Protein backbone atom coordinates (compact mmCIF):
# COMPACT_ATOMS: atom_id res chain seq x y z
CA MET A 1 101.58 70.90 144.66
CA SER A 2 100.62 68.86 141.61
CA GLU A 3 99.99 71.55 138.98
CA GLN A 4 102.08 74.36 140.45
CA LYS A 5 105.39 75.44 138.99
CA LEU A 6 107.64 75.24 142.01
CA ARG A 7 111.01 76.47 143.19
CA VAL A 8 112.94 73.21 143.36
CA THR A 9 116.41 72.40 144.65
CA PHE A 10 118.23 69.23 143.60
CA ILE A 11 121.31 68.16 145.56
CA GLY A 12 123.48 65.69 143.66
CA THR A 13 123.65 65.98 139.89
CA GLY A 14 125.41 62.70 139.20
CA VAL A 15 124.51 59.74 137.02
CA MET A 16 121.06 59.43 138.59
CA GLY A 17 120.36 62.88 140.00
CA GLY A 18 121.34 64.82 136.89
CA PRO A 19 118.73 63.28 134.58
CA MET A 20 116.08 63.33 137.32
CA ALA A 21 116.64 67.04 137.87
CA GLY A 22 116.48 67.53 134.11
CA HIS A 23 113.01 66.00 134.02
CA LEU A 24 111.90 68.49 136.68
CA VAL A 25 113.03 71.35 134.42
CA LYS A 26 111.06 69.83 131.55
CA ALA A 27 108.04 69.71 133.88
CA GLY A 28 108.29 73.49 134.20
CA HIS A 29 109.85 73.91 137.63
CA ALA A 30 112.57 76.45 138.43
CA LEU A 31 115.70 74.53 139.46
CA THR A 32 118.65 75.34 141.64
CA VAL A 33 121.25 72.58 141.91
CA TYR A 34 124.15 71.77 144.16
CA ASN A 35 126.87 69.19 143.60
CA ARG A 36 129.97 68.61 145.69
CA THR A 37 132.01 68.78 142.48
CA ARG A 38 131.08 72.25 141.26
CA ALA A 39 132.09 71.51 137.67
CA ARG A 40 129.39 68.85 137.48
CA ALA A 41 126.73 71.31 138.70
CA ASP A 42 127.94 73.91 136.20
CA ALA A 43 127.77 71.34 133.39
CA TRP A 44 124.20 70.51 134.40
CA VAL A 45 123.23 74.20 134.30
CA ALA A 46 124.86 74.56 130.88
CA GLU A 47 122.66 71.73 129.61
CA TYR A 48 119.36 72.43 131.36
CA GLY A 49 119.43 76.02 132.63
CA GLY A 50 118.69 77.01 136.20
CA THR A 51 121.26 78.00 138.80
CA ALA A 52 124.15 76.30 140.59
CA ALA A 53 124.65 77.10 144.27
CA ALA A 54 127.84 76.99 146.35
CA THR A 55 126.37 75.07 149.30
CA PRO A 56 123.31 72.95 150.03
CA ALA A 57 122.00 75.67 152.34
CA GLU A 58 122.32 78.29 149.64
CA ALA A 59 120.58 76.00 147.16
CA ALA A 60 117.70 75.32 149.56
CA GLN A 61 116.86 78.92 150.44
CA ASN A 62 113.27 79.77 149.52
CA ALA A 63 112.76 76.38 147.84
CA ASP A 64 109.34 74.74 147.90
CA VAL A 65 110.91 71.32 147.39
CA VAL A 66 114.42 70.03 148.06
CA LEU A 67 115.50 66.68 146.61
CA SER A 68 118.73 64.78 147.11
CA CYS A 69 120.49 61.90 145.41
CA VAL A 70 123.98 61.52 146.87
CA GLY A 71 126.29 58.66 147.82
CA ASN A 72 125.77 57.25 151.29
CA ASP A 73 124.67 57.97 154.87
CA ASP A 74 127.56 60.32 155.59
CA ASP A 75 127.02 62.29 152.38
CA LEU A 76 123.31 62.61 153.11
CA ALA A 77 123.91 63.75 156.69
CA GLN A 78 126.36 66.37 155.47
CA VAL A 79 124.10 67.89 152.82
CA THR A 80 121.08 67.97 155.15
CA LEU A 81 122.29 68.40 158.74
CA GLY A 82 125.83 69.68 158.26
CA ARG A 83 127.06 73.22 158.88
CA ASP A 84 126.00 74.25 155.37
CA GLY A 85 123.21 71.70 155.15
CA ALA A 86 119.88 72.24 153.47
CA PHE A 87 117.72 71.76 156.57
CA ARG A 88 119.03 74.91 158.24
CA ALA A 89 117.89 76.99 155.26
CA MET A 90 114.58 75.38 154.30
CA LYS A 91 111.42 77.32 154.98
CA LYS A 92 108.71 75.91 157.21
CA GLY A 93 106.28 73.76 155.28
CA ALA A 94 108.79 72.88 152.54
CA LEU A 95 109.12 69.31 151.28
CA PHE A 96 112.28 67.18 151.37
CA ILE A 97 112.56 64.07 149.18
CA ASP A 98 115.63 61.87 149.42
CA HIS A 99 116.39 59.47 146.57
CA THR A 100 119.70 58.19 147.95
CA THR A 101 119.91 54.53 148.91
CA VAL A 102 120.91 54.72 152.57
CA SER A 103 120.16 53.06 155.88
CA ALA A 104 116.66 53.08 157.33
CA ARG A 105 118.23 54.53 160.47
CA ILE A 106 119.25 57.82 158.84
CA ALA A 107 115.94 58.00 156.96
CA ARG A 108 114.11 57.84 160.28
CA GLN A 109 116.52 60.35 161.83
CA LEU A 110 115.92 62.85 159.02
CA SER A 111 112.19 62.43 159.40
CA VAL A 112 112.43 63.33 163.09
CA GLU A 113 114.68 66.32 162.35
CA ALA A 114 112.33 67.49 159.59
CA GLU A 115 109.28 67.23 161.81
CA GLY A 116 110.98 69.41 164.42
CA LEU A 117 111.63 72.06 161.77
CA GLY A 118 108.11 71.96 160.33
CA LEU A 119 109.22 70.21 157.13
CA LEU A 120 107.68 67.31 155.23
CA CYS A 121 110.07 64.41 154.58
CA VAL A 122 109.98 61.36 152.30
CA ASP A 123 112.62 58.65 151.88
CA ALA A 124 112.23 57.49 148.29
CA PRO A 125 115.06 55.32 146.96
CA VAL A 126 114.62 54.38 143.32
CA SER A 127 115.15 51.39 141.06
CA GLY A 128 115.68 51.42 137.31
CA GLY A 129 119.29 52.55 137.02
CA GLU A 130 120.81 55.19 134.79
CA SER A 131 118.63 54.23 131.83
CA GLY A 132 115.49 54.60 133.95
CA ALA A 133 116.62 58.00 135.20
CA GLN A 134 117.26 59.20 131.65
CA ALA A 135 113.94 57.86 130.37
CA GLY A 136 111.93 59.07 133.36
CA THR A 137 110.70 55.55 134.12
CA LEU A 138 112.12 54.92 137.59
CA SER A 139 110.31 53.07 140.36
CA ALA A 140 110.21 54.97 143.67
CA MET A 141 109.69 53.20 147.00
CA CYS A 142 108.49 55.73 149.54
CA GLY A 143 108.48 56.03 153.30
CA GLY A 144 106.98 58.88 155.31
CA THR A 145 103.69 60.24 156.52
CA GLN A 146 100.68 60.21 154.22
CA ALA A 147 100.76 64.01 154.06
CA ALA A 148 104.41 64.01 153.01
CA PHE A 149 103.82 61.35 150.37
CA ASP A 150 100.78 63.16 148.99
CA ALA A 151 102.92 66.27 148.53
CA ALA A 152 105.83 64.37 146.99
CA GLU A 153 104.05 62.04 144.59
CA PRO A 154 103.13 64.67 141.97
CA ILE A 155 106.72 65.94 141.93
CA MET A 156 108.13 62.48 141.35
CA ARG A 157 105.84 61.86 138.39
CA ALA A 158 108.33 63.87 136.32
CA TYR A 159 110.86 61.03 136.41
CA ALA A 160 109.18 57.96 137.96
CA ALA A 161 106.67 55.65 136.31
CA ARG A 162 105.84 53.70 139.47
CA ILE A 163 105.53 55.46 142.82
CA THR A 164 104.47 53.44 145.86
CA HIS A 165 103.89 54.58 149.43
CA ILE A 166 105.10 51.64 151.53
CA GLY A 167 104.67 53.00 155.05
CA GLY A 168 106.20 55.29 157.64
CA PRO A 169 109.69 56.85 157.74
CA GLY A 170 112.37 54.37 156.69
CA ALA A 171 109.95 52.04 154.89
CA GLY A 172 111.18 53.20 151.49
CA GLN A 173 114.76 52.34 152.38
CA THR A 174 113.90 48.90 153.75
CA THR A 175 111.90 48.20 150.58
CA LYS A 176 114.94 49.10 148.48
CA MET A 177 116.84 46.51 150.53
CA VAL A 178 114.18 43.96 149.55
CA ASN A 179 114.77 44.96 145.93
CA GLN A 180 118.53 44.48 146.13
CA ILE A 181 118.24 41.17 148.00
CA ALA A 182 116.01 39.86 145.21
CA ILE A 183 118.31 41.12 142.45
CA ALA A 184 121.37 39.53 144.06
CA GLY A 185 119.80 36.09 144.07
CA VAL A 186 118.48 36.42 140.53
CA LEU A 187 121.86 37.51 139.16
CA GLN A 188 123.68 34.60 140.79
CA GLY A 189 121.20 32.16 139.29
CA LEU A 190 121.42 33.87 135.92
CA SER A 191 125.23 33.79 136.04
CA GLU A 192 125.21 30.06 136.68
CA ALA A 193 122.65 29.49 133.91
CA VAL A 194 124.67 31.45 131.33
CA ARG A 195 127.88 29.60 132.14
CA PHE A 196 126.07 26.24 132.20
CA ALA A 197 124.68 26.91 128.72
CA GLN A 198 128.13 27.86 127.47
CA ALA A 199 129.76 24.78 129.05
CA SER A 200 127.12 22.68 127.29
CA LYS A 201 128.09 24.22 123.94
CA LEU A 202 124.55 25.55 123.42
CA ASP A 203 123.68 28.53 121.26
CA THR A 204 123.00 31.08 124.02
CA GLY A 205 120.77 33.14 121.74
CA LYS A 206 118.49 30.18 121.09
CA VAL A 207 118.54 29.23 124.78
CA PHE A 208 117.40 32.75 125.60
CA GLU A 209 114.60 32.47 123.04
CA ALA A 210 113.49 29.21 124.63
CA VAL A 211 113.55 30.19 128.30
CA SER A 212 112.93 33.95 128.42
CA GLY A 213 109.19 33.65 127.85
CA GLY A 214 108.53 31.23 130.68
CA ALA A 215 108.89 30.95 134.43
CA ALA A 216 112.64 31.69 134.31
CA ALA A 217 112.10 35.14 132.86
CA SER A 218 113.17 38.23 134.81
CA TRP A 219 114.21 41.80 134.07
CA GLN A 220 117.80 40.73 134.49
CA MET A 221 117.40 37.88 132.00
CA LEU A 222 115.61 40.02 129.44
CA ASN A 223 118.14 42.85 129.67
CA ARG A 224 121.44 41.17 130.60
CA TRP A 225 121.52 37.58 129.28
CA GLY A 226 122.98 38.54 125.91
CA THR A 227 125.60 40.90 127.29
CA MET A 228 126.63 38.48 130.05
CA ALA A 229 127.15 35.79 127.40
CA LYS A 230 129.49 38.22 125.61
CA ASP A 231 131.24 39.41 128.79
CA GLU A 232 130.07 43.00 128.35
CA PHE A 233 129.49 44.81 131.63
CA ASP A 234 129.18 48.56 131.07
CA PHE A 235 125.46 48.96 131.49
CA GLY A 236 124.76 50.87 134.68
CA PHE A 237 124.63 50.02 138.37
CA ALA A 238 128.15 49.27 139.58
CA VAL A 239 129.34 46.41 141.77
CA ASP A 240 130.72 48.92 144.29
CA TRP A 241 127.24 50.35 144.79
CA MET A 242 125.63 46.93 144.97
CA ARG A 243 127.99 45.96 147.76
CA LYS A 244 127.06 49.13 149.62
CA ASP A 245 123.36 48.29 149.24
CA LEU A 246 123.77 44.66 150.27
CA GLY A 247 125.74 45.83 153.29
CA LEU A 248 122.79 48.00 154.30
CA ALA A 249 120.44 45.04 153.95
CA LEU A 250 122.69 42.74 155.95
CA ASP A 251 123.02 45.36 158.69
CA GLU A 252 119.24 45.81 158.82
CA ALA A 253 118.77 42.03 158.99
CA ARG A 254 120.89 41.95 162.12
CA VAL A 255 118.40 44.38 163.65
CA ASN A 256 115.12 42.84 162.47
CA GLY A 257 116.18 39.20 162.80
CA ALA A 258 115.82 38.25 159.12
CA THR A 259 118.05 35.49 157.73
CA LEU A 260 119.77 36.27 154.43
CA PRO A 261 122.05 33.35 153.52
CA VAL A 262 121.95 33.87 149.75
CA ALA A 263 122.38 37.66 149.93
CA SER A 264 125.30 37.18 152.29
CA LEU A 265 126.94 34.68 149.94
CA VAL A 266 126.40 36.84 146.85
CA ASP A 267 127.86 39.81 148.72
CA GLN A 268 131.03 37.74 149.20
CA PHE A 269 130.98 36.86 145.50
CA TYR A 270 130.79 40.56 144.62
CA ALA A 271 133.79 41.12 146.89
CA ASP A 272 135.64 38.63 144.64
CA VAL A 273 134.67 40.73 141.61
CA GLN A 274 135.98 43.85 143.33
CA ARG A 275 139.29 42.18 144.19
CA ALA A 276 139.65 41.26 140.51
CA GLY A 277 139.29 44.93 139.57
CA GLY A 278 135.61 44.87 138.61
CA GLY A 279 134.19 47.33 141.13
CA ARG A 280 133.01 49.77 138.46
CA LYS A 281 131.52 47.08 136.21
CA ASP A 282 127.76 46.62 136.38
CA THR A 283 126.21 44.02 138.63
CA SER A 284 125.85 41.41 135.89
CA SER A 285 129.65 41.03 136.01
CA LEU A 286 128.96 38.55 138.81
CA VAL A 287 129.23 35.97 136.01
CA THR A 288 132.97 36.64 135.70
CA ARG A 289 133.59 34.62 138.88
CA LEU A 290 132.57 31.48 137.00
CA PRO A 291 134.79 29.83 134.38
CA LYS A 292 133.43 29.42 130.88
């Protein structure tokens, strides 16, 4: 599929899906889109071209590739397996790539359903946020058969800079959980460090200069230290979505026996941020729990 110009369907033209679908247009593919809020799909078509469909099934008819980036397990089940879901309309041999962050359980379920219909299926949650989607520099963590991944990888090159096949169905979703567990711990440590520097009356800019080139450095430090110090939190991935993702990780840990004391604690801290009205602020707003 790598050099072909394909008939592609993208379900979910939101903050992440809209730019990703736009990169597929720029790569030369013919796009049909579906979004639950029709006005958003129409706005995408006005910007990029292509066609907006009334249902996922209508969007998926005759498509070579169907991609989705929706909200949660229920949303994904509806757009794939529901009465007007894409799976009932996809042709045999077509490829389905899901970029939603959902449970490993539904990823494995969709893989089984796809296999029964003669479809290829990849669970491929992404990291990199809205800025990564717009720049086409996302990281994709993929689960599925080797054949499905081989078909999907060239498509994802349009919007992802790092694409890794982790393992079988569901492995992409469990890897995204690893990602969010790691981020949660880093952000709590960074929050404490920022507030400690402020309580010590240090110049936070000079502190950043001193520590950001050494062992303390992280993506979060390099991109969020300065804005956290200024209490600015409108930079992407929202607390509400982080809590959803941490909930998935905690649920999976109950199944696989992993112990997640820090992730569990930070999840409670994010609940505090939500109760204070910060659910739509980005994840670095974790620092607001701590007094200056």
